[in-house]
Amino acid sequence: MENNYLILLYYCYSPIEDTASFRNEHHQLCLELDLRGRIIIAPEGLNGTVSGLKANCEKYMEAIQRDERFKSTEFKVEPYHQHAFQKLHVREKSEIVNLGAPEIDPNQQTGKHLEPEEFLAMKDEHDVVILDVRSNYEHKLGKFKDAKTLDIDNFRDFPDKIQELEELKSKKVITYCTGGIKCEKASAMLLKSGFKDVYQLKGGIIKYGLEAGGEDFEGKCYVFDNRIAVVVNAVNPSVVATCYICNEPNDRMVNCANPTCNIHVPICEACGVKYEGACSSTCQSHPDKRAYDGTGYYATQMNGYNPYRCSVRKE
């Protein structure tokens, strides 16, 4: 199977004054290049993950970096054999990653960036704490060895957890997330809260896997495209997730076949067959349960989706 496509993951904290106009222009650019994915436009910058043919993705990266505001944008690039998304969404929001703390500006203050090789060399030092700033469903699927995790369902919960980290103020704290965007704000908030020695893994788990082999990342990395979970560790891989039903080691992510539940959890193949893709006997007996084909993946309903509906064509 030939990998003629690319998946791009990127962000850039750089002010956008007229977000409405920029959104319209950006949406049009993505349509012209037949890109699909999710892009957020906010006054603080740009955040996206998209897929497309290699040549089109290269044109897209060039277009973004030609814009003086986004010339420093760093793309995490992964080859793939098809589109990783079914739809294109380009949306305006108040933040490119929702922390709910408008006073935090990564352009003013943020943790020191560590390249993957620097992180690899530093992570096992005795006075270093590796802090996962992702949500529960993400770090339960995979995380760095000995990393400290937080009981949060959404990044908006992070500020309320800082008081639980007081004992780490004398340590070197390295934050990490999927692609680096959350760490920009998380590390900035730690500094604002009195932490002195704060770092962040530049480019997140994805860049670490691509450039440094992913050593000591246990399990898989949750991603926000149709792949759902990806292997990042080519050095000493392991499985840390467990089947939602039987608790045996398993990292096969499944959507419950009951559409009213639709919980996204690891379910092993044996339990998948036994419960027909459902996460429980209750969901198995639900009258609207979807037919299980062995994958636990159910194609997104297009519901009349039209990528041009929100576009503003150029005159």
C-alpha atoms as a PDB file:
ATOM      1  CA  MET A   1       0.000   0.000   0.000  1.00  0.00           C
ATOM      2  CA  GLU A   2       1.627   3.213  -1.172  1.00  0.00           C
ATOM      3  CA  ASN A   3       1.661   6.235   1.133  1.00  0.00           C
ATOM      4  CA  ASN A   4       0.647   8.974  -1.289  1.00  0.00           C
ATOM      5  CA  TYR A   5      -0.906  11.126   1.440  1.00  0.00           C
ATOM      6  CA  LEU A   6       0.421  13.109   4.380  1.00  0.00           C
ATOM      7  CA  ILE A   7      -1.073  13.891   7.780  1.00  0.00           C
ATOM      8  CA  LEU A   8      -0.040  17.280   9.157  1.00  0.00           C
ATOM      9  CA  LEU A   9      -0.229  18.343  12.797  1.00  0.00           C
ATOM     10  CA  TYR A  10       0.688  21.935  13.641  1.00  0.00           C
ATOM     11  CA  TYR A  11      -0.022  25.089  15.615  1.00  0.00           C
ATOM     12  CA  CYS A  12       1.272  28.632  15.863  1.00  0.00           C
ATOM     13  CA  TYR A  13       0.593  31.182  18.587  1.00  0.00           C
ATOM     14  CA  SER A  14       0.568  34.401  16.583  1.00  0.00           C
ATOM     15  CA  PRO A  15      -2.099  37.144  16.761  1.00  0.00           C
ATOM     16  CA  ILE A  16      -4.802  37.236  14.074  1.00  0.00           C
ATOM     17  CA  GLU A  17      -6.744  40.506  14.037  1.00  0.00           C
ATOM     18  CA  ASP A  18      -9.544  39.687  11.611  1.00  0.00           C
ATOM     19  CA  THR A  19     -10.294  36.052  12.357  1.00  0.00           C
ATOM     20  CA  ALA A  20     -13.473  35.984  10.246  1.00  0.00           C
ATOM     21  CA  SER A  21     -11.714  37.050   7.055  1.00  0.00           C
ATOM     22  CA  PHE A  22      -8.770  34.772   7.734  1.00  0.00           C
ATOM     23  CA  ARG A  23     -11.096  31.831   8.347  1.00  0.00           C
ATOM     24  CA  ASN A  24     -12.813  32.399   5.008  1.00  0.00           C
ATOM     25  CA  GLU A  25      -9.528  32.671   3.125  1.00  0.00           C
ATOM     26  CA  HIS A  26      -8.092  29.628   4.864  1.00  0.00           C
ATOM     27  CA  HIS A  27     -11.188  27.548   4.216  1.00  0.00           C
ATOM     28  CA  GLN A  28     -10.981  28.418   0.525  1.00  0.00           C
ATOM     29  CA  LEU A  29      -7.309  27.439   0.407  1.00  0.00           C
ATOM     30  CA  CYS A  30      -8.080  24.040   1.951  1.00  0.00           C
ATOM     31  CA  LEU A  31     -10.880  23.440  -0.544  1.00  0.00           C
ATOM     32  CA  GLU A  32      -8.597  24.250  -3.466  1.00  0.00           C
ATOM     33  CA  LEU A  33      -6.024  21.765  -2.151  1.00  0.00           C
ATOM     34  CA  ASP A  34      -8.611  19.079  -1.286  1.00  0.00           C
ATOM     35  CA  LEU A  35      -7.506  18.961   2.338  1.00  0.00           C
ATOM     36  CA  ARG A  36      -9.630  17.441   5.081  1.00  0.00           C
ATOM     37  CA  GLY A  37      -9.357  17.776   8.826  1.00  0.00           C
ATOM     38  CA  ARG A  38      -9.942  20.198  11.675  1.00  0.00           C
ATOM     39  CA  ILE A  39      -8.537  23.717  11.829  1.00  0.00           C
ATOM     40  CA  ILE A  40      -9.157  26.294  14.544  1.00  0.00           C
ATOM     41  CA  ILE A  41      -8.711  30.012  13.960  1.00  0.00           C
ATOM     42  CA  ALA A  42      -8.578  32.278  17.039  1.00  0.00           C
ATOM     43  CA  PRO A  43      -7.245  35.724  17.938  1.00  0.00           C
ATOM     44  CA  GLU A  44      -4.235  33.974  19.507  1.00  0.00           C
ATOM     45  CA  GLY A  45      -3.316  31.921  16.438  1.00  0.00           C
ATOM     46  CA  LEU A  46      -3.797  28.823  14.328  1.00  0.00           C
ATOM     47  CA  ASN A  47      -4.148  25.124  15.190  1.00  0.00           C
ATOM     48  CA  GLY A  48      -4.838  22.258  12.859  1.00  0.00           C
ATOM     49  CA  THR A  49      -4.523  18.659  11.809  1.00  0.00           C
ATOM     50  CA  VAL A  50      -5.248  17.873   8.164  1.00  0.00           C
ATOM     51  CA  SER A  51      -4.624  15.232   5.543  1.00  0.00           C
ATOM     52  CA  GLY A  52      -4.176  15.393   1.793  1.00  0.00           C
ATOM     53  CA  LEU A  53      -2.086  14.279  -1.150  1.00  0.00           C
ATOM     54  CA  LYS A  54       1.634  14.907  -0.641  1.00  0.00           C
ATOM     55  CA  ALA A  55       1.897  17.640  -3.262  1.00  0.00           C
ATOM     56  CA  ASN A  56      -1.136  19.465  -1.876  1.00  0.00           C
ATOM     57  CA  CYS A  57       0.103  19.242   1.715  1.00  0.00           C
ATOM     58  CA  GLU A  58       3.453  20.651   0.622  1.00  0.00           C
ATOM     59  CA  LYS A  59       1.668  23.581  -1.044  1.00  0.00           C
ATOM     60  CA  TYR A  60      -0.336  24.117   2.120  1.00  0.00           C
ATOM     61  CA  MET A  61       2.745  24.196   4.352  1.00  0.00           C
ATOM     62  CA  GLU A  62       4.440  26.624   1.988  1.00  0.00           C
ATOM     63  CA  ALA A  63       1.370  28.890   1.989  1.00  0.00           C
ATOM     64  CA  ILE A  64       1.234  29.027   5.783  1.00  0.00           C
ATOM     65  CA  GLN A  65       4.940  29.716   6.198  1.00  0.00           C
ATOM     66  CA  ARG A  66       4.865  32.466   3.556  1.00  0.00           C
ATOM     67  CA  ASP A  67       2.578  34.387   5.888  1.00  0.00           C
ATOM     68  CA  GLU A  68       4.863  36.453   8.121  1.00  0.00           C
ATOM     69  CA  ARG A  69       2.654  35.688  11.121  1.00  0.00           C
ATOM     70  CA  PHE A  70       3.125  31.942  10.773  1.00  0.00           C
ATOM     71  CA  LYS A  71       6.627  31.612   9.328  1.00  0.00           C
ATOM     72  CA  SER A  72       7.809  29.799  12.471  1.00  0.00           C
ATOM     73  CA  THR A  73       5.097  27.123  12.256  1.00  0.00           C
ATOM     74  CA  GLU A  74       6.546  23.647  12.688  1.00  0.00           C
ATOM     75  CA  PHE A  75       4.712  20.758  11.058  1.00  0.00           C
ATOM     76  CA  LYS A  76       4.692  17.187  12.314  1.00  0.00           C
ATOM     77  CA  VAL A  77       4.439  15.210   9.071  1.00  0.00           C
ATOM     78  CA  GLU A  78       3.432  11.559   8.794  1.00  0.00           C
ATOM     79  CA  PRO A  79       2.932   9.565   5.569  1.00  0.00           C
ATOM     80  CA  TYR A  80      -0.347   7.709   5.107  1.00  0.00           C
ATOM     81  CA  HIS A  81      -2.143   5.745   2.408  1.00  0.00           C
ATOM     82  CA  GLN A  82      -5.373   7.781   2.306  1.00  0.00           C
ATOM     83  CA  HIS A  83      -7.174  10.748   3.824  1.00  0.00           C
ATOM     84  CA  ALA A  84      -7.194  10.500   7.627  1.00  0.00           C
ATOM     85  CA  PHE A  85     -10.409  12.543   7.820  1.00  0.00           C
ATOM     86  CA  GLN A  86     -13.757  12.397   6.069  1.00  0.00           C
ATOM     87  CA  LYS A  87     -14.615  16.070   6.417  1.00  0.00           C
ATOM     88  CA  LEU A  88     -13.092  19.531   6.452  1.00  0.00           C
ATOM     89  CA  HIS A  89     -13.909  21.923   9.287  1.00  0.00           C
ATOM     90  CA  VAL A  90     -12.348  25.378   9.588  1.00  0.00           C
ATOM     91  CA  ARG A  91     -13.784  27.103  12.647  1.00  0.00           C
ATOM     92  CA  GLU A  92     -13.430  30.361  14.543  1.00  0.00           C
ATOM     93  CA  LYS A  93     -13.036  29.990  18.303  1.00  0.00           C
ATOM     94  CA  SER A  94     -11.867  32.113  21.225  1.00  0.00           C
ATOM     95  CA  GLU A  95      -8.727  29.964  21.788  1.00  0.00           C
ATOM     96  CA  ILE A  96      -6.797  27.502  19.639  1.00  0.00           C
ATOM     97  CA  VAL A  97      -6.690  25.199  22.666  1.00  0.00           C
ATOM     98  CA  ASN A  98      -9.276  25.792  25.332  1.00  0.00           C
ATOM     99  CA  LEU A  99      -7.766  26.551  28.752  1.00  0.00           C
ATOM    100  CA  GLY A 100     -10.175  29.294  29.783  1.00  0.00           C
ATOM    101  CA  ALA A 101      -7.331  31.502  31.013  1.00  0.00           C
ATOM    102  CA  PRO A 102      -7.051  34.477  28.632  1.00  0.00           C
ATOM    103  CA  GLU A 103      -4.242  35.990  30.705  1.00  0.00           C
ATOM    104  CA  ILE A 104      -1.897  33.173  29.620  1.00  0.00           C
ATOM    105  CA  ASP A 105       0.091  34.173  26.529  1.00  0.00           C
ATOM    106  CA  PRO A 106       2.783  31.706  25.396  1.00  0.00           C
ATOM    107  CA  ASN A 107       4.410  34.478  23.366  1.00  0.00           C
ATOM    108  CA  GLN A 108       5.130  36.300  26.630  1.00  0.00           C
ATOM    109  CA  GLN A 109       6.100  33.386  28.857  1.00  0.00           C
ATOM    110  CA  THR A 110       6.349  29.634  28.416  1.00  0.00           C
ATOM    111  CA  GLY A 111       8.520  26.697  29.456  1.00  0.00           C
ATOM    112  CA  LYS A 112      11.897  26.056  27.842  1.00  0.00           C
ATOM    113  CA  HIS A 113      11.528  23.970  24.694  1.00  0.00           C
ATOM    114  CA  LEU A 114      13.344  20.638  24.597  1.00  0.00           C
ATOM    115  CA  GLU A 115      14.037  19.003  21.261  1.00  0.00           C
ATOM    116  CA  PRO A 116      13.312  15.237  21.279  1.00  0.00           C
ATOM    117  CA  GLU A 117      16.981  14.294  21.693  1.00  0.00           C
ATOM    118  CA  GLU A 118      17.338  16.790  24.560  1.00  0.00           C
ATOM    119  CA  PHE A 119      14.264  15.341  26.236  1.00  0.00           C
ATOM    120  CA  LEU A 120      15.664  11.820  25.802  1.00  0.00           C
ATOM    121  CA  ALA A 121      18.913  12.837  27.480  1.00  0.00           C
ATOM    122  CA  MET A 122      17.231  14.664  30.362  1.00  0.00           C
ATOM    123  CA  LYS A 123      14.108  12.645  31.196  1.00  0.00           C
ATOM    124  CA  ASP A 124      15.778  10.184  33.601  1.00  0.00           C
ATOM    125  CA  GLU A 125      17.671  12.698  35.727  1.00  0.00           C
ATOM    126  CA  HIS A 126      16.929  12.297  39.441  1.00  0.00           C
ATOM    127  CA  ASP A 127      15.424  15.777  39.886  1.00  0.00           C
ATOM    128  CA  VAL A 128      13.201  15.634  36.786  1.00  0.00           C
ATOM    129  CA  VAL A 129       9.437  15.058  36.802  1.00  0.00           C
ATOM    130  CA  ILE A 130       7.664  14.340  33.522  1.00  0.00           C
ATOM    131  CA  LEU A 131       4.138  15.767  33.601  1.00  0.00           C
ATOM    132  CA  ASP A 132       1.402  14.600  31.211  1.00  0.00           C
ATOM    133  CA  VAL A 133      -1.065  17.458  30.637  1.00  0.00           C
ATOM    134  CA  ARG A 134      -3.496  15.422  28.511  1.00  0.00           C
ATOM    135  CA  SER A 135      -6.897  14.061  29.466  1.00  0.00           C
ATOM    136  CA  ASN A 136      -7.667  10.735  31.119  1.00  0.00           C
ATOM    137  CA  TYR A 137      -8.726   8.871  27.981  1.00  0.00           C
ATOM    138  CA  GLU A 138      -5.425   9.845  26.339  1.00  0.00           C
ATOM    139  CA  HIS A 139      -2.923   8.925  29.034  1.00  0.00           C
ATOM    140  CA  LYS A 140      -4.763   5.701  29.884  1.00  0.00           C
ATOM    141  CA  LEU A 141      -3.975   4.507  26.358  1.00  0.00           C
ATOM    142  CA  GLY A 142      -0.314   5.485  26.576  1.00  0.00           C
ATOM    143  CA  LYS A 143       2.139   7.702  28.456  1.00  0.00           C
ATOM    144  CA  PHE A 144       5.826   8.111  29.220  1.00  0.00           C
ATOM    145  CA  LYS A 145       7.339   5.721  31.720  1.00  0.00           C
ATOM    146  CA  ASP A 146       6.977   7.085  35.274  1.00  0.00           C
ATOM    147  CA  ALA A 147       5.165  10.209  34.047  1.00  0.00           C
ATOM    148  CA  LYS A 148       2.834  11.963  36.453  1.00  0.00           C
ATOM    149  CA  THR A 149      -0.712  12.114  35.110  1.00  0.00           C
ATOM    150  CA  LEU A 150      -3.656  14.275  36.117  1.00  0.00           C
ATOM    151  CA  ASP A 151      -7.256  13.228  36.670  1.00  0.00           C
ATOM    152  CA  ILE A 152      -8.786  15.554  34.094  1.00  0.00           C
ATOM    153  CA  ASP A 153     -11.437  15.023  31.431  1.00  0.00           C
ATOM    154  CA  ASN A 154     -10.592  18.210  29.557  1.00  0.00           C
ATOM    155  CA  PHE A 155      -7.641  20.603  29.349  1.00  0.00           C
ATOM    156  CA  ARG A 156      -9.875  23.281  30.901  1.00  0.00           C
ATOM    157  CA  ASP A 157      -9.500  21.331  34.170  1.00  0.00           C
ATOM    158  CA  PHE A 158      -5.727  21.814  34.253  1.00  0.00           C
ATOM    159  CA  PRO A 159      -5.693  25.094  36.252  1.00  0.00           C
ATOM    160  CA  ASP A 160      -7.633  23.435  39.082  1.00  0.00           C
ATOM    161  CA  LYS A 161      -4.986  20.715  39.383  1.00  0.00           C
ATOM    162  CA  ILE A 162      -1.949  22.957  39.828  1.00  0.00           C
ATOM    163  CA  GLN A 163      -2.420  23.071  43.610  1.00  0.00           C
ATOM    164  CA  GLU A 164      -1.903  19.288  43.616  1.00  0.00           C
ATOM    165  CA  LEU A 165       1.562  19.810  42.109  1.00  0.00           C
ATOM    166  CA  GLU A 166       2.990  22.052  44.844  1.00  0.00           C
ATOM    167  CA  GLU A 167       5.516  19.406  45.928  1.00  0.00           C
ATOM    168  CA  LEU A 168       7.095  19.575  42.462  1.00  0.00           C
ATOM    169  CA  LYS A 169       8.162  23.213  42.732  1.00  0.00           C
ATOM    170  CA  SER A 170      11.697  22.207  43.680  1.00  0.00           C
ATOM    171  CA  LYS A 171      11.969  19.859  40.689  1.00  0.00           C
ATOM    172  CA  LYS A 172      12.633  20.276  37.004  1.00  0.00           C
ATOM    173  CA  VAL A 173       9.196  19.796  35.468  1.00  0.00           C
ATOM    174  CA  ILE A 174       8.898  18.715  31.823  1.00  0.00           C
ATOM    175  CA  THR A 175       5.391  18.902  30.384  1.00  0.00           C
ATOM    176  CA  TYR A 176       4.289  16.946  27.343  1.00  0.00           C
ATOM    177  CA  CYS A 177       1.191  16.415  25.211  1.00  0.00           C
ATOM    178  CA  THR A 178       0.345  15.033  21.764  1.00  0.00           C
ATOM    179  CA  GLY A 179       1.767  17.780  19.543  1.00  0.00           C
ATOM    180  CA  GLY A 180       3.034  20.459  21.927  1.00  0.00           C
ATOM    181  CA  ILE A 181       0.198  22.981  21.817  1.00  0.00           C
ATOM    182  CA  LYS A 182      -1.210  22.334  25.307  1.00  0.00           C
ATOM    183  CA  CYS A 183       2.258  22.477  26.852  1.00  0.00           C
ATOM    184  CA  GLU A 184       2.736  26.050  25.660  1.00  0.00           C
ATOM    185  CA  LYS A 185      -0.072  27.135  27.977  1.00  0.00           C
ATOM    186  CA  ALA A 186       0.392  24.523  30.703  1.00  0.00           C
ATOM    187  CA  SER A 187       4.063  25.384  31.192  1.00  0.00           C
ATOM    188  CA  ALA A 188       3.239  29.103  31.130  1.00  0.00           C
ATOM    189  CA  MET A 189       0.630  28.589  33.848  1.00  0.00           C
ATOM    190  CA  LEU A 190       3.089  26.623  35.978  1.00  0.00           C
ATOM    191  CA  LEU A 191       5.588  29.481  35.742  1.00  0.00           C
ATOM    192  CA  LYS A 192       2.864  31.957  36.635  1.00  0.00           C
ATOM    193  CA  SER A 193       2.049  29.783  39.670  1.00  0.00           C
ATOM    194  CA  GLY A 194       5.584  29.959  41.044  1.00  0.00           C
ATOM    195  CA  PHE A 195       7.324  26.984  39.445  1.00  0.00           C
ATOM    196  CA  LYS A 196      10.891  27.979  38.565  1.00  0.00           C
ATOM    197  CA  ASP A 197      12.360  25.263  36.332  1.00  0.00           C
ATOM    198  CA  VAL A 198       9.784  24.371  33.700  1.00  0.00           C
ATOM    199  CA  TYR A 199      10.370  22.704  30.330  1.00  0.00           C
ATOM    200  CA  GLN A 200       8.210  21.298  27.572  1.00  0.00           C
ATOM    201  CA  LEU A 201       8.735  18.575  24.972  1.00  0.00           C
ATOM    202  CA  LYS A 202       8.818  20.486  21.701  1.00  0.00           C
ATOM    203  CA  GLY A 203       6.467  18.964  19.149  1.00  0.00           C
ATOM    204  CA  GLY A 204       5.048  16.593  21.738  1.00  0.00           C
ATOM    205  CA  ILE A 205       4.812  12.815  21.590  1.00  0.00           C
ATOM    206  CA  ILE A 206       4.434  12.757  17.817  1.00  0.00           C
ATOM    207  CA  LYS A 207       7.693  14.576  17.102  1.00  0.00           C
ATOM    208  CA  TYR A 208       9.494  12.519  19.754  1.00  0.00           C
ATOM    209  CA  GLY A 209       8.400   9.333  18.009  1.00  0.00           C
ATOM    210  CA  LEU A 210       9.330  10.586  14.560  1.00  0.00           C
ATOM    211  CA  GLU A 211      12.739  11.988  15.492  1.00  0.00           C
ATOM    212  CA  ALA A 212      13.941  10.053  18.556  1.00  0.00           C
ATOM    213  CA  GLY A 213      12.314   6.633  18.235  1.00  0.00           C
ATOM    214  CA  GLY A 214       9.785   7.094  21.029  1.00  0.00           C
ATOM    215  CA  GLU A 215      11.855   5.318  23.701  1.00  0.00           C
ATOM    216  CA  ASP A 216      10.022   4.788  27.011  1.00  0.00           C
ATOM    217  CA  PHE A 217       6.655   5.913  25.707  1.00  0.00           C
ATOM    218  CA  GLU A 218       4.490   3.087  26.994  1.00  0.00           C
ATOM    219  CA  GLY A 219       1.402   2.136  25.014  1.00  0.00           C
ATOM    220  CA  LYS A 220      -0.009   4.044  22.061  1.00  0.00           C
ATOM    221  CA  CYS A 221      -0.621   7.721  21.447  1.00  0.00           C
ATOM    222  CA  TYR A 222      -4.216   8.846  21.027  1.00  0.00           C
ATOM    223  CA  VAL A 223      -4.602  11.007  17.904  1.00  0.00           C
ATOM    224  CA  PHE A 224      -7.517  13.062  16.655  1.00  0.00           C
ATOM    225  CA  ASP A 225      -8.031  11.541  13.227  1.00  0.00           C
ATOM    226  CA  ASN A 226      -9.389   8.291  11.826  1.00  0.00           C
ATOM    227  CA  ARG A 227      -6.319   6.339  12.981  1.00  0.00           C
ATOM    228  CA  ILE A 228      -7.389   6.932  16.606  1.00  0.00           C
ATOM    229  CA  ALA A 229      -4.216   5.455  18.123  1.00  0.00           C
ATOM    230  CA  VAL A 230      -0.682   5.256  16.751  1.00  0.00           C
ATOM    231  CA  VAL A 231       2.523   3.484  17.742  1.00  0.00           C
ATOM    232  CA  VAL A 232       5.304   5.951  18.595  1.00  0.00           C
ATOM    233  CA  ASN A 233       7.831   3.693  20.346  1.00  0.00           C
ATOM    234  CA  ALA A 234      10.142   1.784  18.012  1.00  0.00           C
ATOM    235  CA  VAL A 235      12.690   1.042  20.776  1.00  0.00           C
ATOM    236  CA  ASN A 236      10.946  -0.659  23.708  1.00  0.00           C
ATOM    237  CA  PRO A 237       7.190  -0.753  22.998  1.00  0.00           C
ATOM    238  CA  SER A 238       4.640  -2.014  25.512  1.00  0.00           C
ATOM    239  CA  VAL A 239       0.897  -2.116  26.167  1.00  0.00           C
ATOM    240  CA  VAL A 240      -0.490  -0.207  29.164  1.00  0.00           C
ATOM    241  CA  ALA A 241      -4.212   0.039  28.364  1.00  0.00           C
ATOM    242  CA  THR A 242      -6.640  -2.666  29.441  1.00  0.00           C
ATOM    243  CA  CYS A 243      -9.863  -3.954  27.960  1.00  0.00           C
ATOM    244  CA  TYR A 244     -12.837  -1.983  29.284  1.00  0.00           C
ATOM    245  CA  ILE A 245     -14.751  -5.235  29.813  1.00  0.00           C
ATOM    246  CA  CYS A 246     -12.309  -7.926  30.949  1.00  0.00           C
ATOM    247  CA  ASN A 247      -9.337  -5.785  32.112  1.00  0.00           C
ATOM    248  CA  GLU A 248      -6.805  -7.807  30.113  1.00  0.00           C
ATOM    249  CA  PRO A 249      -3.964  -5.817  28.456  1.00  0.00           C
ATOM    250  CA  ASN A 250      -5.292  -4.353  25.228  1.00  0.00           C
ATOM    251  CA  ASP A 251      -4.950  -1.141  23.215  1.00  0.00           C
ATOM    252  CA  ARG A 252      -7.554  -1.748  20.527  1.00  0.00           C
ATOM    253  CA  MET A 253      -9.767   1.335  20.616  1.00  0.00           C
ATOM    254  CA  VAL A 254     -13.445   0.752  19.887  1.00  0.00           C
ATOM    255  CA  ASN A 255     -16.613   2.830  19.787  1.00  0.00           C
ATOM    256  CA  CYS A 256     -19.472   1.118  21.597  1.00  0.00           C
ATOM    257  CA  ALA A 257     -21.919  -0.280  19.051  1.00  0.00           C
ATOM    258  CA  ASN A 258     -24.770   1.374  20.932  1.00  0.00           C
ATOM    259  CA  PRO A 259     -24.906   4.815  19.251  1.00  0.00           C
ATOM    260  CA  THR A 260     -26.533   6.440  22.279  1.00  0.00           C
ATOM    261  CA  CYS A 261     -23.525   5.363  24.349  1.00  0.00           C
ATOM    262  CA  ASN A 262     -20.748   5.497  21.715  1.00  0.00           C
ATOM    263  CA  ILE A 263     -18.092   5.470  24.458  1.00  0.00           C
ATOM    264  CA  HIS A 264     -14.582   5.272  23.024  1.00  0.00           C
ATOM    265  CA  VAL A 265     -12.567   2.708  24.990  1.00  0.00           C
ATOM    266  CA  PRO A 266     -10.185  -0.244  24.538  1.00  0.00           C
ATOM    267  CA  ILE A 267     -12.063  -3.497  23.943  1.00  0.00           C
ATOM    268  CA  CYS A 268     -10.214  -6.708  23.082  1.00  0.00           C
ATOM    269  CA  GLU A 269     -11.219  -8.822  20.094  1.00  0.00           C
ATOM    270  CA  ALA A 270     -12.695 -11.593  22.255  1.00  0.00           C
ATOM    271  CA  CYS A 271     -14.958  -9.195  24.171  1.00  0.00           C
ATOM    272  CA  GLY A 272     -15.771  -7.413  20.945  1.00  0.00           C
ATOM    273  CA  VAL A 273     -17.138 -10.652  19.529  1.00  0.00           C
ATOM    274  CA  LYS A 274     -18.869 -11.691  22.763  1.00  0.00           C
ATOM    275  CA  TYR A 275     -20.666  -8.366  23.203  1.00  0.00           C
ATOM    276  CA  GLU A 276     -21.073  -7.679  19.472  1.00  0.00           C
ATOM    277  CA  GLY A 277     -19.082  -4.458  19.673  1.00  0.00           C
ATOM    278  CA  ALA A 278     -20.932  -3.137  22.719  1.00  0.00           C
ATOM    279  CA  CYS A 279     -19.244  -2.072  25.956  1.00  0.00           C
ATOM    280  CA  SER A 280     -21.728  -3.937  28.193  1.00  0.00           C
ATOM    281  CA  SER A 281     -24.634  -6.359  28.096  1.00  0.00           C
ATOM    282  CA  THR A 282     -26.991  -3.379  28.501  1.00  0.00           C
ATOM    283  CA  CYS A 283     -25.606  -1.704  25.384  1.00  0.00           C
ATOM    284  CA  GLN A 284     -25.593  -5.051  23.585  1.00  0.00           C
ATOM    285  CA  SER A 285     -29.339  -5.329  24.016  1.00  0.00           C
ATOM    286  CA  HIS A 286     -30.065  -1.736  22.960  1.00  0.00           C
ATOM    287  CA  PRO A 287     -32.595  -1.690  20.073  1.00  0.00           C
ATOM    288  CA  ASP A 288     -30.503   0.764  18.045  1.00  0.00           C
ATOM    289  CA  LYS A 289     -27.237  -1.152  18.357  1.00  0.00           C
ATOM    290  CA  ARG A 290     -25.139  -0.953  15.196  1.00  0.00           C
ATOM    291  CA  ALA A 291     -24.004  -4.062  13.359  1.00  0.00           C
ATOM    292  CA  TYR A 292     -20.509  -5.048  14.447  1.00  0.00           C
ATOM    293  CA  ASP A 293     -18.019  -5.824  11.682  1.00  0.00           C
ATOM    294  CA  GLY A 294     -15.096  -6.696  13.947  1.00  0.00           C
ATOM    295  CA  THR A 295     -13.449  -3.282  13.865  1.00  0.00           C
ATOM    296  CA  GLY A 296     -15.501  -1.201  16.277  1.00  0.00           C
ATOM    297  CA  TYR A 297     -15.195   1.697  13.857  1.00  0.00           C
ATOM    298  CA  TYR A 298     -18.349   3.278  12.483  1.00  0.00           C
ATOM    299  CA  ALA A 299     -18.065   5.698   9.606  1.00  0.00           C
ATOM    300  CA  THR A 300     -19.098   9.248  10.423  1.00  0.00           C
ATOM    301  CA  GLN A 301     -22.547  10.029   9.083  1.00  0.00           C
ATOM    302  CA  MET A 302     -22.168  12.653   6.379  1.00  0.00           C
ATOM    303  CA  ASN A 303     -25.700  14.035   6.979  1.00  0.00           C
ATOM    304  CA  GLY A 304     -25.650  16.159   3.860  1.00  0.00           C
ATOM    305  CA  TYR A 305     -22.131  17.397   4.543  1.00  0.00           C
ATOM    306  CA  ASN A 306     -20.987  19.947   1.966  1.00  0.00           C
ATOM    307  CA  PRO A 307     -17.465  21.375   2.393  1.00  0.00           C
ATOM    308  CA  TYR A 308     -18.423  24.448   0.343  1.00  0.00           C
ATOM    309  CA  ARG A 309     -21.346  25.385   2.580  1.00  0.00           C
ATOM    310  CA  CYS A 310     -19.243  27.638   4.825  1.00  0.00           C
ATOM    311  CA  SER A 311     -16.923  28.866   2.105  1.00  0.00           C
ATOM    312  CA  VAL A 312     -16.756  32.393   0.716  1.00  0.00           C
ATOM    313  CA  ARG A 313     -15.651  32.196  -2.872  1.00  0.00           C
ATOM    314  CA  LYS A 314     -13.226  34.727  -4.262  1.00  0.00           C
ATOM    315  CA  GLU A 315     -14.628  37.184  -6.776  1.00  0.00           C
END
